[in-house]
N, C-alpha and C. Protein backbone atom coordinates (compact mmCIF):
# COMPACT_ATOMS: atom_id res chain seq x y z
N MET A 1 12.76 22.69 -31.32
CA MET A 1 12.21 22.87 -29.99
C MET A 1 13.17 22.26 -28.97
N ALA A 2 13.45 22.99 -27.89
CA ALA A 2 14.37 22.53 -26.85
C ALA A 2 13.75 21.39 -26.06
N GLN A 3 14.62 20.46 -25.67
CA GLN A 3 14.15 19.34 -24.87
C GLN A 3 13.84 19.82 -23.45
N GLU A 4 12.73 19.35 -22.90
CA GLU A 4 12.32 19.75 -21.56
C GLU A 4 13.29 19.18 -20.53
N LYS A 5 13.68 19.99 -19.58
CA LYS A 5 14.59 19.54 -18.53
C LYS A 5 13.84 18.65 -17.55
N THR A 6 14.54 17.64 -17.05
CA THR A 6 13.92 16.75 -16.06
C THR A 6 14.08 17.35 -14.68
N LEU A 7 13.06 17.16 -13.85
CA LEU A 7 13.00 17.78 -12.54
C LEU A 7 12.68 16.74 -11.49
N LEU A 8 13.45 16.75 -10.40
CA LEU A 8 13.21 15.86 -9.26
C LEU A 8 12.97 16.70 -8.02
N ALA A 9 11.94 16.36 -7.28
CA ALA A 9 11.70 16.96 -5.97
C ALA A 9 12.04 15.90 -4.92
N MET A 10 13.03 16.21 -4.10
CA MET A 10 13.44 15.28 -3.04
C MET A 10 12.82 15.72 -1.73
N CYS A 11 11.99 14.85 -1.16
CA CYS A 11 11.36 15.12 0.13
C CYS A 11 12.20 14.41 1.19
N ARG A 12 12.97 15.18 1.96
CA ARG A 12 13.96 14.60 2.88
C ARG A 12 13.62 14.79 4.36
N HIS A 13 12.61 15.58 4.66
CA HIS A 13 12.35 15.95 6.05
C HIS A 13 11.07 15.32 6.60
N ALA A 14 11.08 15.12 7.91
CA ALA A 14 9.90 14.60 8.61
C ALA A 14 8.72 15.54 8.37
N PRO A 15 7.51 15.00 8.47
CA PRO A 15 6.34 15.79 8.10
C PRO A 15 6.00 16.94 9.04
N TYR A 16 6.44 16.88 10.28
CA TYR A 16 6.01 17.89 11.24
C TYR A 16 7.18 18.42 12.04
N GLY A 17 6.98 19.56 12.69
CA GLY A 17 8.02 20.19 13.48
C GLY A 17 8.60 21.41 12.79
N HIS A 18 8.34 21.55 11.50
CA HIS A 18 8.78 22.69 10.70
C HIS A 18 7.91 22.71 9.45
N THR A 19 8.07 23.71 8.62
CA THR A 19 7.18 23.85 7.46
C THR A 19 7.77 23.29 6.16
N ILE A 20 8.99 22.81 6.17
CA ILE A 20 9.65 22.45 4.92
C ILE A 20 8.96 21.29 4.19
N ALA A 21 8.43 20.31 4.92
CA ALA A 21 7.75 19.19 4.26
C ALA A 21 6.49 19.69 3.53
N ARG A 22 5.71 20.51 4.21
CA ARG A 22 4.49 21.06 3.59
C ARG A 22 4.85 21.94 2.38
N GLU A 23 5.85 22.78 2.55
CA GLU A 23 6.27 23.66 1.45
C GLU A 23 6.78 22.86 0.26
N GLY A 24 7.45 21.76 0.53
CA GLY A 24 7.93 20.90 -0.55
C GLY A 24 6.79 20.31 -1.36
N LEU A 25 5.79 19.76 -0.67
CA LEU A 25 4.64 19.20 -1.37
C LEU A 25 3.87 20.27 -2.12
N GLU A 26 3.76 21.45 -1.54
CA GLU A 26 3.08 22.55 -2.22
C GLU A 26 3.86 22.98 -3.47
N ALA A 27 5.18 22.96 -3.40
CA ALA A 27 6.00 23.29 -4.56
C ALA A 27 5.82 22.27 -5.67
N VAL A 28 5.73 20.99 -5.31
CA VAL A 28 5.49 19.94 -6.30
C VAL A 28 4.14 20.18 -6.98
N LEU A 29 3.12 20.47 -6.19
CA LEU A 29 1.78 20.72 -6.76
C LEU A 29 1.80 21.96 -7.65
N ALA A 30 2.53 22.99 -7.24
CA ALA A 30 2.61 24.21 -8.06
C ALA A 30 3.30 23.93 -9.39
N CYS A 31 4.39 23.18 -9.36
CA CYS A 31 5.09 22.80 -10.60
C CYS A 31 4.14 22.03 -11.52
N ALA A 32 3.45 21.06 -10.94
CA ALA A 32 2.56 20.23 -11.73
C ALA A 32 1.41 21.04 -12.32
N ALA A 33 0.93 22.01 -11.57
CA ALA A 33 -0.16 22.86 -12.07
C ALA A 33 0.30 23.70 -13.25
N MET A 34 1.63 23.92 -13.37
CA MET A 34 2.18 24.69 -14.48
C MET A 34 2.76 23.76 -15.55
N ASP A 35 2.28 22.53 -15.58
CA ASP A 35 2.69 21.54 -16.58
C ASP A 35 4.18 21.22 -16.55
N GLN A 36 4.80 21.31 -15.39
CA GLN A 36 6.18 20.88 -15.19
C GLN A 36 6.18 19.82 -14.11
N VAL A 37 5.60 18.67 -14.43
CA VAL A 37 5.39 17.62 -13.45
C VAL A 37 6.73 16.98 -13.07
N PRO A 38 7.14 17.15 -11.80
CA PRO A 38 8.41 16.57 -11.39
C PRO A 38 8.24 15.11 -10.96
N GLU A 39 9.34 14.39 -10.94
CA GLU A 39 9.37 13.11 -10.25
C GLU A 39 9.57 13.46 -8.78
N VAL A 40 9.11 12.59 -7.89
CA VAL A 40 9.21 12.85 -6.46
C VAL A 40 9.90 11.66 -5.79
N LEU A 41 10.91 11.97 -4.96
CA LEU A 41 11.63 10.95 -4.21
C LEU A 41 11.52 11.25 -2.73
N PHE A 42 11.02 10.28 -1.98
CA PHE A 42 10.97 10.38 -0.52
C PHE A 42 12.18 9.63 0.01
N ILE A 43 13.02 10.34 0.76
CA ILE A 43 14.29 9.80 1.22
C ILE A 43 14.57 10.32 2.63
N ASN A 44 15.42 9.61 3.37
CA ASN A 44 15.74 9.98 4.76
C ASN A 44 14.44 10.07 5.55
N ASP A 45 14.29 11.08 6.42
CA ASP A 45 13.07 11.20 7.21
C ASP A 45 11.86 11.59 6.37
N GLY A 46 12.07 11.92 5.11
CA GLY A 46 10.95 12.23 4.21
C GLY A 46 10.00 11.05 4.03
N VAL A 47 10.49 9.82 4.21
CA VAL A 47 9.61 8.65 4.08
C VAL A 47 8.51 8.68 5.13
N LEU A 48 8.73 9.37 6.24
CA LEU A 48 7.72 9.47 7.29
C LEU A 48 6.48 10.24 6.81
N GLN A 49 6.65 11.07 5.79
CA GLN A 49 5.51 11.80 5.23
C GLN A 49 4.47 10.85 4.64
N LEU A 50 4.90 9.67 4.26
CA LEU A 50 4.01 8.72 3.59
C LEU A 50 3.13 7.92 4.54
N LEU A 51 3.42 8.00 5.84
CA LEU A 51 2.65 7.26 6.84
C LEU A 51 1.39 8.02 7.23
N GLU A 52 0.37 7.28 7.62
CA GLU A 52 -0.85 7.90 8.14
C GLU A 52 -0.48 8.63 9.43
N GLN A 53 -0.95 9.85 9.59
CA GLN A 53 -0.58 10.67 10.74
C GLN A 53 -1.82 11.20 11.45
N ASN A 54 -1.65 11.61 12.70
CA ASN A 54 -2.69 12.32 13.44
C ASN A 54 -2.05 13.58 14.03
N PRO A 55 -1.79 14.58 13.19
CA PRO A 55 -1.05 15.75 13.65
C PRO A 55 -1.84 16.71 14.54
N LYS A 56 -3.15 16.50 14.66
CA LYS A 56 -3.94 17.40 15.51
C LYS A 56 -3.44 17.37 16.95
N THR A 57 -2.93 16.20 17.37
CA THR A 57 -2.46 16.07 18.75
C THR A 57 -1.26 16.97 19.03
N ILE A 58 -0.55 17.39 17.98
CA ILE A 58 0.59 18.29 18.16
C ILE A 58 0.31 19.68 17.56
N GLY A 59 -0.95 19.92 17.20
CA GLY A 59 -1.34 21.23 16.71
C GLY A 59 -0.88 21.55 15.30
N GLU A 60 -0.71 20.53 14.46
CA GLU A 60 -0.26 20.72 13.08
C GLU A 60 -1.37 20.34 12.11
N LYS A 61 -1.28 20.85 10.88
CA LYS A 61 -2.20 20.46 9.81
C LYS A 61 -1.69 19.17 9.17
N ASN A 62 -2.62 18.34 8.75
CA ASN A 62 -2.28 17.07 8.14
C ASN A 62 -1.79 17.27 6.70
N LEU A 63 -0.68 16.61 6.34
CA LEU A 63 -0.14 16.69 4.99
C LEU A 63 -0.84 15.72 4.03
N ARG A 64 -1.72 14.89 4.55
CA ARG A 64 -2.34 13.83 3.76
C ARG A 64 -3.05 14.37 2.51
N ARG A 65 -3.74 15.48 2.63
CA ARG A 65 -4.45 16.05 1.47
C ARG A 65 -3.48 16.40 0.36
N ASN A 66 -2.33 16.96 0.73
CA ASN A 66 -1.33 17.30 -0.29
C ASN A 66 -0.84 16.04 -0.98
N LEU A 67 -0.56 14.99 -0.20
CA LEU A 67 -0.11 13.72 -0.79
C LEU A 67 -1.17 13.14 -1.72
N GLN A 68 -2.41 13.16 -1.27
CA GLN A 68 -3.49 12.58 -2.07
C GLN A 68 -3.77 13.39 -3.33
N ALA A 69 -3.38 14.66 -3.34
CA ALA A 69 -3.58 15.51 -4.53
C ALA A 69 -2.53 15.24 -5.60
N LEU A 70 -1.39 14.69 -5.24
CA LEU A 70 -0.31 14.49 -6.21
C LEU A 70 -0.78 13.74 -7.47
N PRO A 71 -1.45 12.58 -7.34
CA PRO A 71 -1.88 11.88 -8.57
C PRO A 71 -2.85 12.70 -9.43
N MET A 72 -3.66 13.54 -8.80
CA MET A 72 -4.60 14.38 -9.55
C MET A 72 -3.86 15.43 -10.39
N PHE A 73 -2.62 15.74 -10.00
CA PHE A 73 -1.81 16.72 -10.71
C PHE A 73 -0.75 16.06 -11.60
N GLY A 74 -0.88 14.75 -11.80
CA GLY A 74 0.01 14.06 -12.73
C GLY A 74 1.20 13.36 -12.10
N VAL A 75 1.37 13.47 -10.79
CA VAL A 75 2.44 12.75 -10.10
C VAL A 75 1.87 11.39 -9.71
N GLU A 76 2.01 10.43 -10.61
CA GLU A 76 1.35 9.14 -10.42
C GLU A 76 2.24 8.08 -9.80
N THR A 77 3.55 8.33 -9.75
CA THR A 77 4.48 7.39 -9.12
C THR A 77 5.29 8.14 -8.08
N LEU A 78 5.30 7.60 -6.87
CA LEU A 78 6.11 8.16 -5.81
C LEU A 78 7.31 7.24 -5.62
N HIS A 79 8.50 7.80 -5.77
CA HIS A 79 9.72 7.02 -5.60
C HIS A 79 10.13 7.08 -4.13
N VAL A 80 10.53 5.94 -3.59
CA VAL A 80 10.83 5.83 -2.17
C VAL A 80 12.16 5.10 -2.00
N CYS A 81 13.03 5.68 -1.21
CA CYS A 81 14.34 5.07 -0.95
C CYS A 81 14.16 3.84 -0.05
N ARG A 82 14.56 2.69 -0.56
CA ARG A 82 14.42 1.44 0.18
C ARG A 82 15.18 1.49 1.51
N ARG A 83 16.42 1.96 1.47
CA ARG A 83 17.23 1.99 2.69
C ARG A 83 16.61 2.90 3.75
N SER A 84 16.03 4.03 3.33
CA SER A 84 15.38 4.94 4.28
C SER A 84 14.21 4.25 4.97
N LEU A 85 13.45 3.47 4.22
CA LEU A 85 12.35 2.71 4.82
C LEU A 85 12.89 1.69 5.82
N GLU A 86 13.88 0.92 5.39
CA GLU A 86 14.44 -0.13 6.24
C GLU A 86 15.02 0.43 7.53
N GLU A 87 15.74 1.53 7.43
CA GLU A 87 16.35 2.15 8.62
C GLU A 87 15.32 2.62 9.63
N ARG A 88 14.10 2.89 9.18
CA ARG A 88 13.04 3.37 10.06
C ARG A 88 12.01 2.28 10.36
N GLY A 89 12.28 1.07 9.91
CA GLY A 89 11.39 -0.06 10.19
C GLY A 89 10.03 0.05 9.53
N ILE A 90 10.00 0.68 8.36
CA ILE A 90 8.74 0.89 7.64
C ILE A 90 8.65 -0.08 6.47
N SER A 91 7.51 -0.70 6.33
CA SER A 91 7.24 -1.61 5.21
C SER A 91 6.35 -0.89 4.20
N LEU A 92 6.45 -1.30 2.94
CA LEU A 92 5.55 -0.73 1.93
C LEU A 92 4.09 -0.98 2.29
N ASP A 93 3.83 -2.03 3.06
CA ASP A 93 2.46 -2.32 3.50
C ASP A 93 1.89 -1.21 4.39
N ASN A 94 2.77 -0.40 4.99
CA ASN A 94 2.35 0.69 5.87
C ASN A 94 2.01 1.96 5.09
N ILE A 95 2.21 1.95 3.77
CA ILE A 95 2.06 3.15 2.96
C ILE A 95 0.92 2.97 1.96
N ASP A 96 0.01 3.93 1.95
CA ASP A 96 -1.07 3.91 0.99
C ASP A 96 -1.40 5.34 0.59
N VAL A 97 -1.09 5.67 -0.64
CA VAL A 97 -1.47 6.97 -1.20
C VAL A 97 -2.37 6.66 -2.39
N PRO A 98 -3.70 6.80 -2.22
CA PRO A 98 -4.63 6.44 -3.28
C PRO A 98 -4.29 7.10 -4.62
N GLY A 99 -4.27 6.29 -5.67
CA GLY A 99 -4.01 6.79 -7.01
C GLY A 99 -2.54 6.86 -7.38
N ALA A 100 -1.67 6.62 -6.41
CA ALA A 100 -0.23 6.70 -6.68
C ALA A 100 0.42 5.32 -6.57
N ALA A 101 1.30 5.03 -7.50
CA ALA A 101 2.10 3.82 -7.42
C ALA A 101 3.36 4.14 -6.63
N LEU A 102 3.89 3.15 -5.94
CA LEU A 102 5.13 3.32 -5.20
C LEU A 102 6.23 2.57 -5.93
N ALA A 103 7.37 3.21 -6.10
CA ALA A 103 8.52 2.59 -6.75
C ALA A 103 9.72 2.72 -5.81
N LEU A 104 10.28 1.57 -5.44
CA LEU A 104 11.44 1.58 -4.55
C LEU A 104 12.70 1.95 -5.33
N VAL A 105 13.53 2.76 -4.72
CA VAL A 105 14.80 3.15 -5.31
C VAL A 105 15.90 2.53 -4.45
N ASP A 106 16.66 1.63 -5.03
CA ASP A 106 17.72 0.94 -4.29
C ASP A 106 19.00 1.74 -4.21
N ASN A 107 19.28 2.52 -5.22
CA ASN A 107 20.53 3.27 -5.27
C ASN A 107 20.22 4.72 -5.62
N PRO A 108 19.91 5.55 -4.61
CA PRO A 108 19.43 6.89 -4.91
C PRO A 108 20.45 7.82 -5.56
N GLY A 109 21.75 7.60 -5.35
CA GLY A 109 22.76 8.49 -5.93
C GLY A 109 22.66 8.60 -7.44
N PRO A 110 22.78 7.49 -8.16
CA PRO A 110 22.65 7.55 -9.62
C PRO A 110 21.26 8.00 -10.07
N TYR A 111 20.23 7.63 -9.30
CA TYR A 111 18.87 8.04 -9.65
C TYR A 111 18.78 9.57 -9.63
N ILE A 112 19.27 10.18 -8.55
CA ILE A 112 19.22 11.64 -8.41
C ILE A 112 20.08 12.31 -9.49
N ALA A 113 21.24 11.73 -9.76
CA ALA A 113 22.17 12.32 -10.75
C ALA A 113 21.58 12.33 -12.15
N GLY A 114 20.56 11.53 -12.40
CA GLY A 114 19.95 11.45 -13.72
C GLY A 114 19.02 12.60 -14.06
N PHE A 115 18.84 13.54 -13.15
CA PHE A 115 17.93 14.65 -13.38
C PHE A 115 18.72 15.93 -13.68
N ASP A 116 18.11 16.79 -14.51
CA ASP A 116 18.73 18.07 -14.84
C ASP A 116 18.67 19.03 -13.66
N GLN A 117 17.55 19.00 -12.93
CA GLN A 117 17.34 19.92 -11.80
C GLN A 117 16.80 19.13 -10.63
N VAL A 118 17.28 19.46 -9.42
CA VAL A 118 16.82 18.78 -8.21
C VAL A 118 16.43 19.83 -7.18
N LEU A 119 15.20 19.73 -6.71
CA LEU A 119 14.72 20.58 -5.62
C LEU A 119 14.75 19.74 -4.36
N SER A 120 15.27 20.26 -3.29
CA SER A 120 15.39 19.50 -2.05
C SER A 120 14.58 20.15 -0.94
N PHE A 121 13.70 19.35 -0.37
CA PHE A 121 12.82 19.87 0.71
C PHE A 121 12.94 18.97 1.92
């Protein structure tokens, strides 16, 4: 039996202003629903997706439901780039995704290189 390829979904974009953040989370959920549960890394402006938002004021749908669904689909650890948080003045205390553990990634280059396939959103 062939070894299963490892898959990483990199969430790199801010949550609003375009559809790529929503599409990325939907792709992660779709993979997980097909028993191909990827690891997820929030990096660059993607870390902003992890903050509590009020997108109604800008006429957008909230991504929070998608984030909260990740643990139900087997994505139980969310990897977060430490430098991306620091550059944006965000503390882990500001992030709460029920059912998901947060794991800081200090050196994302080697972490990303360790996967067979990388999806970037």
